[in-house]
Amino acid sequence: MNNTLTREETREFLSKYYSGTNNERFEQMIRECKRSVIQSIVVPFGLGKIVAAYDRLGGNVDTVHNVRKNVYASEQAKMDYAQRGNYNSHEYHSDDEYKRINKEQTILRKDGKLTDYMTGEKVDRNKKTDLDHVVSAKEIHDDRGRVLAGIDGVKLANTETNLKMTNETINRSKKADSMEDFLERCDSRLVEIERLRNKRELTQSEQNELRKLEEFQKIDRQKAMEADKKARDVINTQINRTYYTSTKFMQNLATTSVVEGGKMGVQQALGLVLVEFFTAVLEEVEDIFRKGFHTCESFFASIKTRLETIASKVYHALVNKYRLIIASFKDGLISGILSNLVTTAVNIFATTSRRLVRIIREGIFSLFRALKMIFFPPEGLGKEEAWHEATKLFVSGVIVGLGILIEQSIATFLHSIGLAAFSDSFTSVFVGILTGISIAIAMYWLDTNRESVEKMRYEEIRQLCAENLPAIVEECEELSRLIKATHEQRLMSLESSFTDYQNADFNYDDNRIYEALAKINAIWRIELNTKTNEDMQTNLNKGSGILYFNKQEKAMIEKPNPEYS
């Protein structure tokens, strides 16, 4: 804490510390609890659930990660994949780049400089080899991410990283399998090798089979997997760079962000209107229990009166809070855009469920309001208060997120016991009430816990006073003694100067009169400029010459003015 307290801080602290009782705070919590319950039922678990009905598994924007799991956000992307065409092996193996690399590798083999990428051994010049697609051409052709990015499969497959020479037997046995599947298949055939080796006599076909299987034994799993990883990394990098920098992705992201922002803005603005409406309705219900239903003689007249009361309350609330409604729409718009961006970013690496999309939306809204409170606090709100209010907003967002998770569990349980028809409405109301009460209690705890901070401030004030008050008192006493001594000294000087003045005036001694008056002025550090009769005459008539001092008569007399004579 700071060691210096301003007067305003001290006054504000004392006012807060001594105002209100625990009972008043508890009653305030009960009032806030009712409103918080209504807020939770109407907004996150009412309108929020309606908005969430349009959420998609994996978000609103297609990502490479999602489409590879057959999770599409747009029908067009799904249709593009269905229309990709069949795999044509000849097309992939007759490409110019494939031919060039194959020719270069063949020359290296004939020169005895070629290494088998599967085994790590030098390849015999006369041994048959094949140029293998490390990541098979068919896998690349059928890659949903490649189709989403709009990259030509032939160009993507036929690169130096993905084309490596290996034994003919190994390549043709690998076919279109992934490296991992191929190596697992090789491992499963090791038992067959042992069986054939232990056999006393082998047929010609068994001898040929054993030679093929022994080629598989030479495979270096680590080198094979390293080559596969390197090739896949290059392919995925090119797919991701091409797609995530494309105009198609940017346009989809921008469009869906604006739509999500609009939905979230409407949810928050409409939520405030509905909260005011249901608050007014509940107040009327409470009034019915206290005073009875009838406000007029007839039943319909009473209904009309109460409906008019509700309408009036809602109208005045909206008139007084229209700025807040506009601000809520703006906050919802911005947070909706941000939540769509965050959801898309998450789906680049992991597929989000519809429930998680909703949690991200509500969480981003709470986080945005908290950051807004910190960096742009309302006028008259200090930094400490802004941080406190931001903490409350963040905590309420966490509680809403937990409520959404609990809602899913309760809905699943109701489905399991055959109450699916009531699950949606029941979970919305029940979890909304539970969430609202939890938020109110959490806010009460944060506010009351904050008192401990204020108590620490109070103890700091007390400690500062205890440490500095004796010195201040002593300084005040010393100052009082100094003032008293100075005052007495000046009184004595004044008394002496007045006595000198009286004597000088009695004797008509101009010099001593001046000296006495000069001493009186010197007490206040003022210099007396009027010394002689001529100085007095000049000051009186300001140089006009109308008045002058008559020495014989000892008085100022008027001098005739030639202009009026």
Protein backbone atom coordinates (compact mmCIF):
# COMPACT_ATOMS: atom_id res chain seq x y z
CA MET A 1 0.00 0.00 0.00
CA ASN A 2 1.01 3.61 -0.46
CA ASN A 3 2.42 5.43 2.55
CA THR A 4 0.71 8.67 1.53
CA LEU A 5 -3.04 9.18 1.68
CA THR A 6 -4.73 12.18 0.17
CA ARG A 7 -7.50 13.91 2.06
CA GLU A 8 -10.03 12.76 -0.54
CA GLU A 9 -8.93 9.11 -0.22
CA THR A 10 -9.14 9.25 3.55
CA ARG A 11 -12.57 10.87 3.53
CA GLU A 12 -13.88 8.36 0.96
CA PHE A 13 -12.49 5.42 2.93
CA LEU A 14 -13.98 6.56 6.23
CA SER A 15 -17.32 7.19 4.56
CA LYS A 16 -17.38 3.68 3.08
CA TYR A 17 -16.03 1.99 6.19
CA TYR A 18 -18.58 3.41 8.56
CA SER A 19 -21.60 3.44 6.22
CA GLY A 20 -24.08 0.57 6.25
CA THR A 21 -24.39 -2.51 8.39
CA ASN A 22 -23.95 -6.18 7.63
CA ASN A 23 -27.73 -6.57 7.59
CA GLU A 24 -28.05 -3.87 4.96
CA ARG A 25 -25.37 -5.53 2.87
CA PHE A 26 -27.13 -8.87 3.19
CA GLU A 27 -30.45 -7.34 2.16
CA GLN A 28 -28.71 -5.77 -0.81
CA MET A 29 -27.36 -9.20 -1.74
CA ILE A 30 -30.91 -10.63 -1.64
CA ARG A 31 -32.11 -7.87 -3.98
CA GLU A 32 -29.20 -8.44 -6.33
CA CYS A 33 -29.77 -12.18 -6.12
CA LYS A 34 -33.31 -11.83 -7.50
CA ARG A 35 -32.13 -9.66 -10.36
CA SER A 36 -29.14 -11.91 -11.03
CA VAL A 37 -31.41 -14.95 -11.27
CA ILE A 38 -33.62 -13.16 -13.79
CA GLN A 39 -30.55 -12.00 -15.70
CA SER A 40 -29.11 -15.54 -15.85
CA ILE A 41 -32.38 -17.18 -16.92
CA VAL A 42 -33.11 -14.57 -19.59
CA VAL A 43 -29.67 -13.89 -21.12
CA PRO A 44 -27.09 -16.73 -20.98
CA PHE A 45 -29.56 -19.57 -20.43
CA GLY A 46 -32.47 -18.07 -22.36
CA LEU A 47 -31.44 -15.93 -25.31
CA GLY A 48 -27.96 -17.43 -25.17
CA LYS A 49 -29.41 -20.89 -25.65
CA ILE A 50 -31.48 -19.68 -28.61
CA VAL A 51 -28.37 -18.19 -30.20
CA ALA A 52 -26.45 -21.39 -29.41
CA ALA A 53 -29.02 -23.40 -31.39
CA TYR A 54 -27.33 -22.05 -34.55
CA ASP A 55 -23.83 -22.97 -33.37
CA ARG A 56 -21.93 -25.56 -35.36
CA LEU A 57 -19.62 -28.32 -34.29
CA GLY A 58 -16.18 -26.89 -35.01
CA GLY A 59 -17.32 -23.27 -35.27
CA ASN A 60 -18.50 -21.20 -38.23
CA VAL A 61 -15.37 -21.26 -40.39
CA ASP A 62 -13.85 -24.29 -42.09
CA THR A 63 -10.34 -25.20 -40.91
CA VAL A 64 -7.89 -27.75 -42.24
CA HIS A 65 -7.92 -29.60 -38.92
CA ASN A 66 -11.72 -29.87 -38.86
CA VAL A 67 -12.32 -30.96 -42.46
CA ARG A 68 -9.75 -33.73 -42.04
CA LYS A 69 -12.12 -35.03 -39.36
CA ASN A 70 -15.04 -34.64 -41.77
CA VAL A 71 -16.36 -31.65 -39.80
CA TYR A 72 -17.49 -28.96 -42.23
CA ALA A 73 -18.87 -25.50 -41.49
CA SER A 74 -20.05 -24.85 -45.06
CA GLU A 75 -21.89 -27.05 -47.51
CA GLN A 76 -19.83 -25.64 -50.37
CA ALA A 77 -16.57 -26.96 -48.93
CA LYS A 78 -18.17 -30.34 -48.39
CA MET A 79 -19.46 -30.36 -51.97
CA ASP A 80 -16.01 -29.39 -53.32
CA TYR A 81 -14.52 -32.45 -51.67
CA ALA A 82 -17.21 -34.74 -53.02
CA GLN A 83 -16.46 -33.43 -56.52
CA ARG A 84 -12.66 -33.75 -56.28
CA GLY A 85 -12.56 -36.61 -58.82
CA ASN A 86 -11.16 -40.12 -58.60
CA TYR A 87 -7.52 -40.87 -57.95
CA ASN A 88 -5.54 -41.43 -61.16
CA SER A 89 -2.19 -43.10 -60.50
CA HIS A 90 -0.90 -42.45 -64.02
CA GLU A 91 -1.53 -38.72 -63.63
CA TYR A 92 0.64 -38.58 -60.50
CA HIS A 93 3.44 -40.79 -61.88
CA SER A 94 3.70 -39.11 -65.28
CA ASP A 95 4.18 -35.59 -64.00
CA ASP A 96 7.25 -33.74 -65.28
CA GLU A 97 8.59 -33.11 -61.79
CA TYR A 98 8.21 -36.81 -60.94
CA LYS A 99 10.13 -37.78 -64.07
CA ARG A 100 12.93 -35.29 -63.38
CA ILE A 101 13.47 -36.46 -59.79
CA ASN A 102 13.28 -40.12 -60.87
CA LYS A 103 15.96 -39.51 -63.50
CA GLU A 104 18.27 -37.80 -61.02
CA GLN A 105 17.86 -40.63 -58.48
CA THR A 106 18.49 -43.27 -61.14
CA ILE A 107 21.77 -41.60 -62.12
CA LEU A 108 22.86 -41.61 -58.46
CA ARG A 109 22.05 -45.34 -58.25
CA LYS A 110 24.11 -46.16 -61.32
CA ASP A 111 26.99 -44.13 -59.88
CA GLY A 112 26.72 -46.05 -56.60
CA LYS A 113 25.85 -42.90 -54.67
CA LEU A 114 22.19 -43.62 -53.90
CA THR A 115 20.98 -44.36 -50.36
CA ASP A 116 17.74 -46.21 -49.67
CA TYR A 117 15.68 -43.85 -47.52
CA MET A 118 13.94 -46.79 -45.82
CA THR A 119 17.01 -48.79 -44.81
CA GLY A 120 19.74 -46.16 -44.80
CA GLU A 121 21.99 -48.52 -46.84
CA LYS A 122 23.80 -47.83 -50.09
CA VAL A 123 21.82 -49.21 -53.04
CA ASP A 124 23.53 -51.73 -55.33
CA ARG A 125 23.90 -50.37 -58.86
CA ASN A 126 22.15 -53.35 -60.38
CA LYS A 127 19.37 -53.59 -57.84
CA LYS A 128 15.89 -52.55 -58.88
CA THR A 129 14.53 -49.48 -57.12
CA ASP A 130 11.36 -47.40 -57.25
CA LEU A 131 10.75 -43.73 -56.62
CA ASP A 132 8.36 -43.80 -53.68
CA HIS A 133 5.87 -41.16 -52.56
CA VAL A 134 6.74 -40.99 -48.86
CA VAL A 135 3.23 -39.71 -48.24
CA SER A 136 1.30 -41.72 -50.80
CA ALA A 137 -0.13 -39.93 -53.81
CA LYS A 138 -3.58 -41.38 -53.12
CA GLU A 139 -3.52 -40.08 -49.54
CA ILE A 140 -2.63 -36.61 -50.82
CA HIS A 141 -5.32 -36.79 -53.50
CA ASP A 142 -7.97 -37.72 -50.91
CA ASP A 143 -6.71 -35.23 -48.30
CA ARG A 144 -9.67 -33.03 -47.31
CA GLY A 145 -7.30 -30.28 -46.19
CA ARG A 146 -5.64 -30.22 -49.60
CA VAL A 147 -9.02 -29.92 -51.35
CA LEU A 148 -10.10 -27.16 -48.92
CA ALA A 149 -6.95 -25.17 -49.72
CA GLY A 150 -7.52 -25.71 -53.47
CA ILE A 151 -4.00 -27.04 -54.13
CA ASP A 152 -3.26 -29.30 -57.09
CA GLY A 153 -2.61 -32.78 -55.67
CA VAL A 154 -0.07 -33.69 -58.36
CA LYS A 155 2.09 -30.65 -57.61
CA LEU A 156 1.81 -31.19 -53.86
CA ALA A 157 2.78 -34.88 -54.05
CA ASN A 158 5.70 -34.59 -56.46
CA THR A 159 8.30 -32.67 -54.50
CA GLU A 160 11.85 -33.61 -53.62
CA THR A 161 10.89 -33.96 -49.94
CA ASN A 162 8.12 -36.43 -50.73
CA LEU A 163 9.87 -38.45 -53.48
CA LYS A 164 12.56 -40.87 -52.24
CA MET A 165 14.19 -43.99 -53.73
CA THR A 166 13.76 -47.36 -52.02
CA ASN A 167 13.83 -51.06 -52.77
CA GLU A 168 11.32 -52.13 -55.42
CA THR A 169 9.90 -54.82 -53.14
CA ILE A 170 9.40 -52.39 -50.26
CA ASN A 171 7.78 -49.71 -52.44
CA ARG A 172 5.32 -52.06 -54.10
CA SER A 173 4.41 -53.63 -50.79
CA LYS A 174 3.82 -50.23 -49.21
CA LYS A 175 1.30 -49.23 -51.92
CA ALA A 176 -0.98 -46.40 -50.68
CA ASP A 177 -0.58 -47.09 -46.97
CA SER A 178 0.67 -44.49 -44.58
CA MET A 179 4.15 -45.06 -43.24
CA GLU A 180 2.86 -45.96 -39.80
CA ASP A 181 0.37 -48.53 -41.15
CA PHE A 182 3.00 -50.01 -43.45
CA LEU A 183 5.54 -50.46 -40.64
CA GLU A 184 2.92 -52.11 -38.43
CA ARG A 185 2.13 -54.50 -41.26
CA CYS A 186 5.83 -55.31 -41.64
CA ASP A 187 6.14 -56.07 -37.94
CA SER A 188 3.22 -58.47 -38.10
CA ARG A 189 5.03 -60.47 -40.80
CA LEU A 190 8.20 -61.03 -38.79
CA VAL A 191 6.66 -64.18 -37.33
CA GLU A 192 6.38 -65.54 -40.87
CA ILE A 193 10.10 -64.94 -41.41
CA GLU A 194 10.98 -67.04 -38.38
CA ARG A 195 8.65 -69.80 -39.49
CA LEU A 196 10.18 -70.00 -42.96
CA ARG A 197 13.74 -69.91 -41.62
CA ASN A 198 13.04 -72.76 -39.23
CA LYS A 199 11.58 -74.90 -41.99
CA ARG A 200 13.96 -77.57 -43.32
CA GLU A 201 12.94 -77.47 -46.94
CA LEU A 202 11.39 -74.50 -48.77
CA THR A 203 9.55 -74.48 -52.04
CA GLN A 204 10.55 -71.98 -54.70
CA SER A 205 7.63 -69.72 -53.85
CA GLU A 206 8.51 -69.91 -50.15
CA GLN A 207 12.12 -68.99 -50.94
CA ASN A 208 10.93 -65.97 -52.95
CA GLU A 209 8.60 -64.98 -50.11
CA LEU A 210 11.44 -65.27 -47.58
CA ARG A 211 13.70 -63.02 -49.69
CA LYS A 212 10.95 -60.39 -49.80
CA LEU A 213 10.35 -60.60 -46.09
CA GLU A 214 14.06 -60.27 -45.36
CA GLU A 215 14.04 -56.98 -47.28
CA PHE A 216 11.43 -55.74 -44.81
CA GLN A 217 13.75 -56.64 -41.94
CA LYS A 218 16.30 -54.17 -43.25
CA ILE A 219 13.94 -51.22 -42.82
CA ASP A 220 15.16 -48.67 -40.29
CA ARG A 221 11.95 -47.60 -38.56
CA GLN A 222 13.45 -44.38 -37.22
CA LYS A 223 14.73 -43.24 -40.62
CA ALA A 224 11.44 -44.16 -42.29
CA MET A 225 9.37 -42.24 -39.75
CA GLU A 226 11.72 -39.25 -39.90
CA ALA A 227 11.32 -39.11 -43.68
CA ASP A 228 7.55 -39.39 -43.31
CA LYS A 229 7.41 -36.61 -40.70
CA LYS A 230 9.58 -34.30 -42.79
CA ALA A 231 7.45 -34.85 -45.89
CA ARG A 232 4.19 -34.35 -43.98
CA ASP A 233 5.46 -31.18 -42.33
CA VAL A 234 6.29 -29.67 -45.72
CA ILE A 235 2.90 -30.70 -47.15
CA ASN A 236 0.92 -29.42 -44.14
CA THR A 237 2.86 -26.16 -44.07
CA GLN A 238 2.05 -25.51 -47.71
CA ILE A 239 -1.63 -26.41 -47.21
CA ASN A 240 -1.98 -24.24 -44.11
CA ARG A 241 -0.13 -21.28 -45.61
CA THR A 242 -2.15 -21.44 -48.83
CA TYR A 243 -5.54 -21.75 -47.12
CA TYR A 244 -5.16 -19.42 -44.12
CA THR A 245 -3.81 -16.61 -46.30
CA SER A 246 -6.45 -17.10 -48.99
CA THR A 247 -9.21 -14.62 -49.80
CA LYS A 248 -11.78 -17.40 -49.28
CA PHE A 249 -10.76 -17.93 -45.66
CA MET A 250 -10.53 -14.21 -44.89
CA GLN A 251 -13.95 -13.50 -46.36
CA ASN A 252 -15.58 -16.37 -44.47
CA LEU A 253 -13.93 -15.27 -41.24
CA ALA A 254 -15.00 -11.64 -41.69
CA THR A 255 -18.59 -12.53 -42.68
CA THR A 256 -19.15 -14.99 -39.85
CA SER A 257 -17.54 -12.62 -37.33
CA VAL A 258 -19.96 -9.83 -38.23
CA VAL A 259 -22.90 -12.24 -38.03
CA GLU A 260 -21.77 -13.56 -34.63
CA GLY A 261 -21.21 -10.01 -33.41
CA GLY A 262 -24.72 -9.01 -34.49
CA LYS A 263 -26.27 -12.03 -32.74
CA MET A 264 -24.35 -11.35 -29.54
CA GLY A 265 -25.22 -7.64 -29.65
CA VAL A 266 -28.92 -8.37 -30.06
CA GLN A 267 -28.73 -10.97 -27.29
CA GLN A 268 -27.30 -8.47 -24.81
CA ALA A 269 -29.52 -5.52 -25.78
CA LEU A 270 -32.71 -7.57 -25.91
CA GLY A 271 -31.66 -9.27 -22.70
CA LEU A 272 -31.69 -5.95 -20.84
CA VAL A 273 -35.20 -5.21 -22.15
CA LEU A 274 -36.48 -8.64 -21.08
CA VAL A 275 -34.82 -8.37 -17.67
CA GLU A 276 -36.65 -5.09 -17.03
CA PHE A 277 -39.91 -6.68 -18.19
CA PHE A 278 -39.65 -9.77 -15.97
CA THR A 279 -38.48 -7.64 -13.03
CA ALA A 280 -41.59 -5.50 -13.36
CA VAL A 281 -43.77 -8.61 -13.65
CA LEU A 282 -42.28 -10.14 -10.48
CA GLU A 283 -42.76 -6.88 -8.62
CA GLU A 284 -46.43 -6.97 -9.55
CA VAL A 285 -46.68 -10.59 -8.43
CA GLU A 286 -45.15 -9.64 -5.08
CA ASP A 287 -47.63 -6.78 -4.81
CA ILE A 288 -50.49 -9.23 -5.47
CA PHE A 289 -49.34 -11.45 -2.60
CA ARG A 290 -49.03 -8.47 -0.25
CA LYS A 291 -52.13 -6.44 -1.17
CA GLY A 292 -54.32 -8.80 -3.14
CA PHE A 293 -55.05 -8.96 -6.84
CA HIS A 294 -57.87 -6.43 -7.15
CA THR A 295 -56.90 -2.79 -7.59
CA CYS A 296 -60.32 -1.89 -9.03
CA GLU A 297 -63.82 -3.19 -8.61
CA SER A 298 -63.77 -5.49 -11.65
CA PHE A 299 -61.36 -8.28 -12.50
CA PHE A 300 -60.56 -7.02 -16.01
CA ALA A 301 -60.03 -3.49 -14.79
CA SER A 302 -57.49 -4.81 -12.27
CA ILE A 303 -55.70 -6.73 -15.01
CA LYS A 304 -55.62 -3.60 -17.14
CA THR A 305 -54.24 -1.51 -14.28
CA ARG A 306 -51.51 -3.98 -13.46
CA LEU A 307 -50.52 -4.38 -17.12
CA GLU A 308 -50.36 -0.60 -17.44
CA THR A 309 -48.15 -0.49 -14.33
CA ILE A 310 -45.81 -3.08 -15.82
CA ALA A 311 -45.69 -1.22 -19.15
CA SER A 312 -45.00 2.05 -17.36
CA LYS A 313 -42.14 0.57 -15.32
CA VAL A 314 -40.57 -1.02 -18.39
CA TYR A 315 -40.96 2.17 -20.42
CA HIS A 316 -39.34 4.39 -17.79
CA ALA A 317 -36.57 1.83 -17.20
CA LEU A 318 -35.78 1.74 -20.92
CA VAL A 319 -35.89 5.53 -21.22
CA ASN A 320 -33.47 5.85 -18.32
CA LYS A 321 -31.23 3.03 -19.57
CA TYR A 322 -31.27 3.54 -23.32
CA ARG A 323 -27.58 4.49 -23.27
CA LEU A 324 -26.85 1.28 -21.39
CA ILE A 325 -28.83 -0.73 -23.97
CA ILE A 326 -26.83 0.83 -26.80
CA ALA A 327 -23.58 0.18 -24.92
CA SER A 328 -24.63 -3.43 -24.31
CA PHE A 329 -25.29 -3.94 -28.00
CA LYS A 330 -21.90 -2.47 -28.84
CA ASP A 331 -20.15 -4.62 -26.24
CA GLY A 332 -21.98 -7.69 -27.50
CA LEU A 333 -21.06 -6.85 -31.10
CA ILE A 334 -17.36 -6.53 -30.32
CA SER A 335 -17.24 -9.56 -28.04
CA GLY A 336 -19.16 -11.63 -30.63
CA ILE A 337 -16.59 -10.76 -33.28
CA LEU A 338 -13.76 -11.62 -30.89
CA SER A 339 -15.37 -14.90 -29.84
CA ASN A 340 -15.70 -15.97 -33.48
CA LEU A 341 -12.02 -15.15 -34.07
CA VAL A 342 -11.00 -17.08 -30.94
CA THR A 343 -13.21 -20.06 -31.85
CA THR A 344 -11.71 -20.17 -35.34
CA ALA A 345 -8.19 -19.99 -33.91
CA VAL A 346 -8.95 -22.88 -31.54
CA ASN A 347 -10.38 -24.96 -34.39
CA ILE A 348 -7.15 -24.64 -36.31
CA PHE A 349 -5.67 -27.00 -33.71
CA ALA A 350 -8.65 -28.73 -32.09
CA THR A 351 -12.32 -29.23 -32.95
CA THR A 352 -14.63 -27.35 -30.60
CA SER A 353 -17.97 -28.79 -29.57
CA ARG A 354 -21.14 -26.70 -29.80
CA ARG A 355 -21.10 -26.39 -26.01
CA LEU A 356 -17.53 -25.11 -26.04
CA VAL A 357 -18.42 -22.55 -28.70
CA ARG A 358 -21.10 -21.22 -26.36
CA ILE A 359 -18.70 -21.13 -23.40
CA ILE A 360 -16.14 -19.23 -25.49
CA ARG A 361 -18.82 -16.73 -26.53
CA GLU A 362 -19.99 -16.04 -22.98
CA GLY A 363 -16.42 -16.08 -21.63
CA ILE A 364 -15.13 -13.60 -24.20
CA PHE A 365 -18.06 -11.29 -23.41
CA SER A 366 -17.23 -11.30 -19.68
CA LEU A 367 -13.51 -10.92 -20.34
CA PHE A 368 -14.13 -8.04 -22.75
CA ARG A 369 -16.30 -6.20 -20.22
CA ALA A 370 -13.69 -6.77 -17.52
CA LEU A 371 -10.87 -5.38 -19.69
CA LYS A 372 -13.07 -2.47 -20.71
CA MET A 373 -13.70 -1.73 -17.03
CA ILE A 374 -9.95 -1.74 -16.32
CA PHE A 375 -8.73 0.32 -19.27
CA PHE A 376 -11.77 2.56 -19.73
CA PRO A 377 -13.37 2.88 -16.29
CA PRO A 378 -16.52 4.99 -15.90
CA GLU A 379 -16.06 8.58 -14.84
CA GLY A 380 -15.52 8.94 -11.10
CA LEU A 381 -14.36 5.32 -10.62
CA GLY A 382 -10.85 4.93 -9.23
CA LYS A 383 -8.32 2.29 -10.27
CA GLU A 384 -8.89 0.08 -7.24
CA GLU A 385 -12.65 0.18 -7.72
CA ALA A 386 -12.26 -0.53 -11.46
CA TRP A 387 -10.11 -3.60 -10.74
CA HIS A 388 -12.64 -4.77 -8.16
CA GLU A 389 -15.55 -4.43 -10.58
CA ALA A 390 -13.53 -6.11 -13.34
CA THR A 391 -12.84 -9.04 -11.00
CA LYS A 392 -16.57 -9.39 -10.37
CA LEU A 393 -17.29 -9.42 -14.12
CA PHE A 394 -14.62 -12.05 -14.73
CA VAL A 395 -15.85 -14.25 -11.87
CA SER A 396 -19.44 -14.03 -13.12
CA GLY A 397 -18.23 -15.15 -16.56
CA VAL A 398 -16.49 -18.17 -15.04
CA ILE A 399 -19.65 -19.09 -13.13
CA VAL A 400 -21.75 -18.84 -16.31
CA GLY A 401 -19.26 -21.13 -18.09
CA LEU A 402 -19.52 -23.68 -15.30
CA GLY A 403 -23.30 -23.37 -15.45
CA ILE A 404 -23.27 -24.24 -19.15
CA LEU A 405 -21.25 -27.37 -18.40
CA ILE A 406 -23.64 -28.34 -15.59
CA GLU A 407 -26.58 -27.73 -17.93
CA GLN A 408 -25.18 -30.30 -20.35
CA SER A 409 -24.80 -32.90 -17.58
CA ILE A 410 -28.35 -32.35 -16.30
CA ALA A 411 -29.80 -32.50 -19.81
CA THR A 412 -27.96 -35.77 -20.47
CA PHE A 413 -29.31 -37.22 -17.21
CA LEU A 414 -32.89 -36.22 -18.05
CA HIS A 415 -32.55 -37.83 -21.48
CA SER A 416 -31.32 -41.04 -19.87
CA ILE A 417 -34.42 -41.31 -17.65
CA GLY A 418 -36.88 -40.58 -20.44
CA LEU A 419 -37.61 -36.90 -19.72
CA ALA A 420 -36.14 -35.50 -22.92
CA ALA A 421 -39.29 -33.48 -23.63
CA PHE A 422 -38.76 -31.38 -20.50
CA SER A 423 -34.98 -31.28 -20.49
CA ASP A 424 -34.45 -28.01 -22.39
CA SER A 425 -36.91 -25.85 -20.45
CA PHE A 426 -36.14 -27.43 -17.08
CA THR A 427 -32.35 -27.16 -17.40
CA SER A 428 -32.54 -23.55 -18.60
CA VAL A 429 -34.62 -22.44 -15.63
CA PHE A 430 -32.95 -24.62 -12.99
CA VAL A 431 -29.36 -23.91 -14.05
CA GLY A 432 -30.25 -20.25 -14.60
CA ILE A 433 -31.50 -20.00 -11.00
CA LEU A 434 -28.48 -21.88 -9.70
CA THR A 435 -26.09 -19.70 -11.70
CA GLY A 436 -27.82 -16.47 -10.67
CA ILE A 437 -27.69 -17.37 -6.98
CA SER A 438 -24.04 -18.39 -7.31
CA ILE A 439 -23.17 -15.10 -9.00
CA ALA A 440 -24.97 -13.07 -6.31
CA ILE A 441 -23.22 -14.97 -3.50
CA ALA A 442 -19.86 -14.60 -5.23
CA MET A 443 -20.39 -10.85 -5.66
CA TYR A 444 -21.39 -10.57 -1.98
CA TRP A 445 -18.28 -12.50 -0.94
CA LEU A 446 -16.04 -10.32 -3.10
CA ASP A 447 -17.59 -7.15 -1.66
CA THR A 448 -17.38 -8.30 1.95
CA ASN A 449 -13.89 -9.67 1.45
CA ARG A 450 -12.95 -6.29 0.10
CA GLU A 451 -13.76 -4.89 3.54
CA SER A 452 -10.70 -6.67 4.86
CA VAL A 453 -8.68 -4.55 2.44
CA GLU A 454 -10.44 -1.45 3.75
CA LYS A 455 -9.72 -2.54 7.29
CA MET A 456 -6.08 -2.80 6.34
CA ARG A 457 -6.34 0.73 5.02
CA TYR A 458 -7.91 1.78 8.30
CA GLU A 459 -5.07 0.14 10.24
CA GLU A 460 -2.60 1.91 7.98
CA ILE A 461 -4.22 5.26 8.76
CA ARG A 462 -4.12 4.46 12.47
CA GLN A 463 -0.48 3.42 12.27
CA LEU A 464 0.50 6.51 10.32
CA CYS A 465 -1.25 8.70 12.88
CA ALA A 466 0.42 6.85 15.78
CA GLU A 467 3.85 7.25 14.17
CA ASN A 468 3.59 10.85 13.02
CA LEU A 469 1.12 12.49 15.42
CA PRO A 470 3.59 13.11 18.33
CA ALA A 471 6.02 14.88 16.00
CA ILE A 472 3.19 16.91 14.49
CA VAL A 473 1.90 17.90 17.95
CA GLU A 474 5.38 18.90 19.09
CA GLU A 475 5.89 20.91 15.92
CA CYS A 476 2.54 22.65 16.44
CA GLU A 477 3.47 23.52 20.04
CA GLU A 478 6.84 24.89 18.96
CA LEU A 479 5.13 26.89 16.24
CA SER A 480 2.63 28.25 18.78
CA ARG A 481 5.46 29.35 21.09
CA LEU A 482 7.24 31.03 18.21
CA ILE A 483 4.07 32.83 17.13
CA LYS A 484 3.41 33.97 20.67
CA ALA A 485 6.98 35.27 21.14
CA THR A 486 6.89 37.05 17.79
CA HIS A 487 3.51 38.55 18.60
CA GLU A 488 4.71 39.85 21.98
CA GLN A 489 7.84 41.29 20.40
CA ARG A 490 5.81 43.10 17.78
CA LEU A 491 3.41 44.46 20.37
CA MET A 492 6.32 45.86 22.37
CA SER A 493 7.82 47.38 19.23
CA LEU A 494 4.46 48.89 18.29
CA GLU A 495 3.95 50.34 21.76
CA SER A 496 7.43 51.92 21.72
CA SER A 497 6.92 53.31 18.21
CA PHE A 498 3.49 54.78 19.10
CA THR A 499 5.03 56.50 22.15
CA ASP A 500 7.82 57.98 19.99
CA TYR A 501 5.23 59.15 17.49
CA GLN A 502 3.12 60.90 20.15
CA ASN A 503 6.17 62.74 21.51
CA ALA A 504 7.32 63.76 18.04
CA ASP A 505 3.86 64.94 17.06
CA PHE A 506 3.57 66.96 20.26
CA ASN A 507 6.88 68.71 19.46
CA TYR A 508 6.14 69.05 15.73
CA ASP A 509 9.37 67.18 14.98
CA ASP A 510 9.03 65.95 11.40
CA ASN A 511 12.12 63.74 11.43
CA ARG A 512 11.14 61.87 14.58
CA ILE A 513 7.57 61.47 13.27
CA TYR A 514 9.00 59.85 10.13
CA GLU A 515 11.33 57.61 12.15
CA ALA A 516 8.43 56.41 14.36
CA LEU A 517 6.18 55.69 11.40
CA ALA A 518 9.03 53.97 9.56
CA LYS A 519 9.54 51.61 12.54
CA ILE A 520 5.84 50.71 12.54
CA ASN A 521 5.93 49.92 8.82
CA ALA A 522 9.16 47.97 9.16
CA ILE A 523 7.41 45.45 11.43
CA TRP A 524 5.46 44.29 8.33
CA ARG A 525 8.49 44.77 6.06
CA ILE A 526 6.99 47.82 4.36
CA GLU A 527 9.07 50.89 3.54
CA LEU A 528 7.61 54.34 4.32
CA ASN A 529 8.14 56.55 1.26
CA THR A 530 6.58 59.80 2.64
CA LYS A 531 9.33 61.60 4.59
CA THR A 532 8.94 65.39 4.10
CA ASN A 533 6.01 67.80 3.70
CA GLU A 534 6.81 67.99 0.00
CA ASP A 535 6.47 64.18 -0.26
CA MET A 536 3.07 64.39 1.44
CA GLN A 537 1.95 67.24 -0.84
CA THR A 538 3.02 65.25 -3.92
CA ASN A 539 1.16 62.13 -2.76
CA LEU A 540 -2.01 64.10 -1.94
CA ASN A 541 -2.37 66.06 -5.14
CA LYS A 542 -0.47 63.53 -7.30
CA GLY A 543 1.61 66.27 -8.80
CA SER A 544 -1.29 68.56 -9.77
CA GLY A 545 -0.17 71.37 -7.41
CA ILE A 546 -3.68 72.09 -6.10
CA LEU A 547 -2.84 71.46 -2.40
CA TYR A 548 0.23 72.52 -0.41
CA PHE A 549 1.36 72.49 3.21
CA ASN A 550 1.42 75.86 5.03
CA LYS A 551 4.23 75.71 7.60
CA GLN A 552 3.01 78.71 9.55
CA GLU A 553 -0.51 77.40 9.95
CA LYS A 554 0.67 73.78 10.19
CA ALA A 555 -2.07 72.65 7.74
CA MET A 556 -2.79 71.79 4.14
CA ILE A 557 -4.44 74.66 2.28
CA GLU A 558 -5.81 74.95 -1.24
CA LYS A 559 -3.66 76.73 -3.76
CA PRO A 560 -5.57 79.03 -6.19
CA ASN A 561 -5.90 77.55 -9.66
CA PRO A 562 -5.04 80.07 -12.38
CA GLU A 563 -7.53 78.44 -14.77
CA TYR A 564 -10.52 79.41 -12.55
CA SER A 565 -9.28 82.79 -11.21
